[in-house]
């Protein structure tokens, strides 16, 4: 049986989710939709990111961020969630850690909330339905 090294890849490139030192970027996913959370997780892990936690609402996301701090490189935050919405959770995360990198995830038609989030400190936003290329593009832009 042939091993992976028997097939050199023509377009071998480093995974996007890996830092210069070889460690993975650590991501916390906050979304009340299990489907969206799973989709984001699959996109990110396929590129070498490490999903270190998921939360189903803003309140849980804020708690998890504080628990995992300072070992969180990025948070993906849904805007519309039960208990605590993403904009409020973003505000509280940024109040806790002004260096926090949070990317908002929003359905179409929520431009006003996206704008507010960006003014409050979100680094970028992703629009649902998720597009793999755009998700990775926006995330990498936010990590720079």
Protein backbone atom coordinates (compact mmCIF):
# COMPACT_ATOMS: atom_id res chain seq x y z
CA UNK A 1 0.00 0.00 0.00
CA UNK A 2 1.26 3.45 -0.87
CA UNK A 3 1.74 6.08 1.83
CA UNK A 4 0.99 9.79 1.54
CA UNK A 5 4.65 10.60 0.89
CA UNK A 6 4.49 8.43 -2.26
CA UNK A 7 2.24 11.09 -3.78
CA UNK A 8 3.96 14.47 -3.61
CA UNK A 9 1.39 17.21 -3.88
CA UNK A 10 1.88 19.74 -6.65
CA UNK A 11 0.14 22.51 -4.77
CA UNK A 12 1.25 21.74 -1.25
CA UNK A 13 0.60 24.80 0.89
CA UNK A 14 0.51 25.41 4.62
CA UNK A 15 -2.93 25.20 6.21
CA UNK A 16 -4.54 28.60 6.79
CA UNK A 17 -5.37 27.77 10.39
CA UNK A 18 -1.76 27.33 11.45
CA UNK A 19 0.35 30.14 12.89
CA UNK A 20 3.95 30.79 11.89
CA UNK A 21 5.14 28.88 14.96
CA UNK A 22 3.26 25.77 13.81
CA UNK A 23 0.49 25.93 16.42
CA UNK A 24 -3.16 26.15 15.41
CA UNK A 25 -5.32 29.25 15.75
CA UNK A 26 -7.87 28.55 18.50
CA UNK A 27 -11.49 29.41 17.75
CA UNK A 28 -14.61 29.64 19.90
CA UNK A 29 -17.87 29.22 17.92
CA UNK A 30 -20.99 30.88 19.37
CA UNK A 31 -24.19 30.03 17.47
CA UNK A 32 -27.63 28.75 18.47
CA UNK A 33 -27.90 26.78 15.22
CA UNK A 34 -26.20 23.42 15.63
CA UNK A 35 -26.08 23.15 11.84
CA UNK A 36 -24.20 26.46 11.40
CA UNK A 37 -21.85 25.67 14.31
CA UNK A 38 -21.04 22.28 12.76
CA UNK A 39 -20.54 23.82 9.32
CA UNK A 40 -18.16 26.48 10.68
CA UNK A 41 -16.33 23.85 12.69
CA UNK A 42 -15.83 21.65 9.62
CA UNK A 43 -14.61 24.56 7.47
CA UNK A 44 -12.14 25.64 10.16
CA UNK A 45 -10.80 22.22 11.18
CA UNK A 46 -10.26 21.32 7.52
CA UNK A 47 -7.79 24.23 7.40
CA UNK A 48 -5.95 23.33 10.59
CA UNK A 49 -7.79 25.63 13.02
CA UNK A 50 -8.56 24.19 16.44
CA UNK A 51 -12.15 24.66 17.61
CA UNK A 52 -11.67 24.94 21.39
CA UNK A 53 -15.31 25.39 22.27
CA UNK A 54 -18.85 26.02 21.14
CA UNK A 55 -21.69 27.87 22.82
CA UNK A 56 -25.40 28.00 21.97
CA UNK A 57 -26.10 31.58 23.10
CA UNK A 58 -24.34 34.83 23.93
CA UNK A 59 -24.40 34.24 27.68
CA UNK A 60 -22.71 30.85 27.36
CA UNK A 61 -20.29 32.31 24.77
CA UNK A 62 -19.23 35.05 27.18
CA UNK A 63 -18.71 32.52 30.00
CA UNK A 64 -16.69 30.21 27.73
CA UNK A 65 -14.55 33.13 26.51
CA UNK A 66 -13.71 34.10 30.08
CA UNK A 67 -12.95 30.45 30.94
CA UNK A 68 -10.67 29.94 27.93
CA UNK A 69 -9.01 33.40 28.07
CA UNK A 70 -6.24 34.11 27.04
CA UNK A 71 -6.18 30.98 24.87
CA UNK A 72 -8.73 32.20 22.31
CA UNK A 73 -7.45 33.63 19.04
CA UNK A 74 -10.86 34.22 17.49
CA UNK A 75 -14.60 34.06 18.21
CA UNK A 76 -17.31 33.57 15.59
CA UNK A 77 -20.48 35.12 17.02
CA UNK A 78 -24.00 34.70 15.68
CA UNK A 79 -26.01 37.92 15.98
CA UNK A 80 -29.50 36.55 16.71
CA UNK A 81 -29.56 34.11 19.64
CA UNK A 82 -31.72 33.39 22.70
CA UNK A 83 -30.82 34.56 26.26
CA UNK A 84 -28.18 37.07 25.09
CA UNK A 85 -27.81 38.25 21.50
CA UNK A 86 -24.44 38.38 19.76
CA UNK A 87 -24.14 42.17 19.82
CA UNK A 88 -24.50 42.26 23.63
CA UNK A 89 -22.10 39.33 24.02
CA UNK A 90 -19.60 41.11 21.73
CA UNK A 91 -19.84 44.27 23.88
CA UNK A 92 -19.17 42.27 27.04
CA UNK A 93 -16.31 40.25 25.54
CA UNK A 94 -14.63 43.47 24.29
CA UNK A 95 -15.17 45.08 27.72
CA UNK A 96 -13.46 42.03 29.28
CA UNK A 97 -10.65 41.86 26.67
CA UNK A 98 -10.16 44.84 24.38
CA UNK A 99 -7.83 42.72 22.19
CA UNK A 100 -10.57 40.14 21.49
CA UNK A 101 -11.02 39.19 17.84
CA UNK A 102 -14.70 38.57 17.16
CA UNK A 103 -16.30 37.95 13.77
CA UNK A 104 -20.06 38.32 13.57
CA UNK A 105 -22.15 35.73 11.71
CA UNK A 106 -25.39 37.12 10.37
CA UNK A 107 -28.30 36.34 8.12
CA UNK A 108 -28.94 38.67 5.20
CA UNK A 109 -30.91 41.78 6.07
CA UNK A 110 -29.20 42.45 9.41
CA UNK A 111 -26.89 45.20 8.08
CA UNK A 112 -27.81 47.62 10.89
CA UNK A 113 -26.76 45.09 13.54
CA UNK A 114 -23.61 44.21 11.59
CA UNK A 115 -22.70 47.91 11.39
CA UNK A 116 -23.32 48.35 15.11
CA UNK A 117 -21.14 45.28 15.83
CA UNK A 118 -18.27 46.64 13.75
CA UNK A 119 -18.48 49.96 15.61
CA UNK A 120 -18.42 48.06 18.92
CA UNK A 121 -15.22 46.23 17.99
CA UNK A 122 -16.07 43.23 15.81
CA UNK A 123 -13.22 42.61 13.36
CA UNK A 124 -15.39 41.42 10.47
CA UNK A 125 -18.61 39.62 9.58
CA UNK A 126 -19.73 36.55 7.67
CA UNK A 127 -23.13 36.31 5.98
CA UNK A 128 -25.23 33.13 6.03
CA UNK A 129 -25.56 30.88 4.12
CA UNK A 130 -21.87 30.17 4.71
CA UNK A 131 -19.49 30.17 1.79
CA UNK A 132 -16.27 28.28 2.60
CA UNK A 133 -14.00 30.62 0.64
CA UNK A 134 -15.53 33.79 2.13
CA UNK A 135 -15.50 32.35 5.67
CA UNK A 136 -11.78 31.58 5.46
CA UNK A 137 -11.01 34.90 3.74
CA UNK A 138 -12.75 36.99 6.41
CA UNK A 139 -11.31 34.96 9.28
CA UNK A 140 -7.75 35.21 7.99
CA UNK A 141 -8.19 38.95 7.39
CA UNK A 142 -9.29 39.36 11.02
CA UNK A 143 -6.32 37.45 12.41
CA UNK A 144 -3.74 39.67 10.70
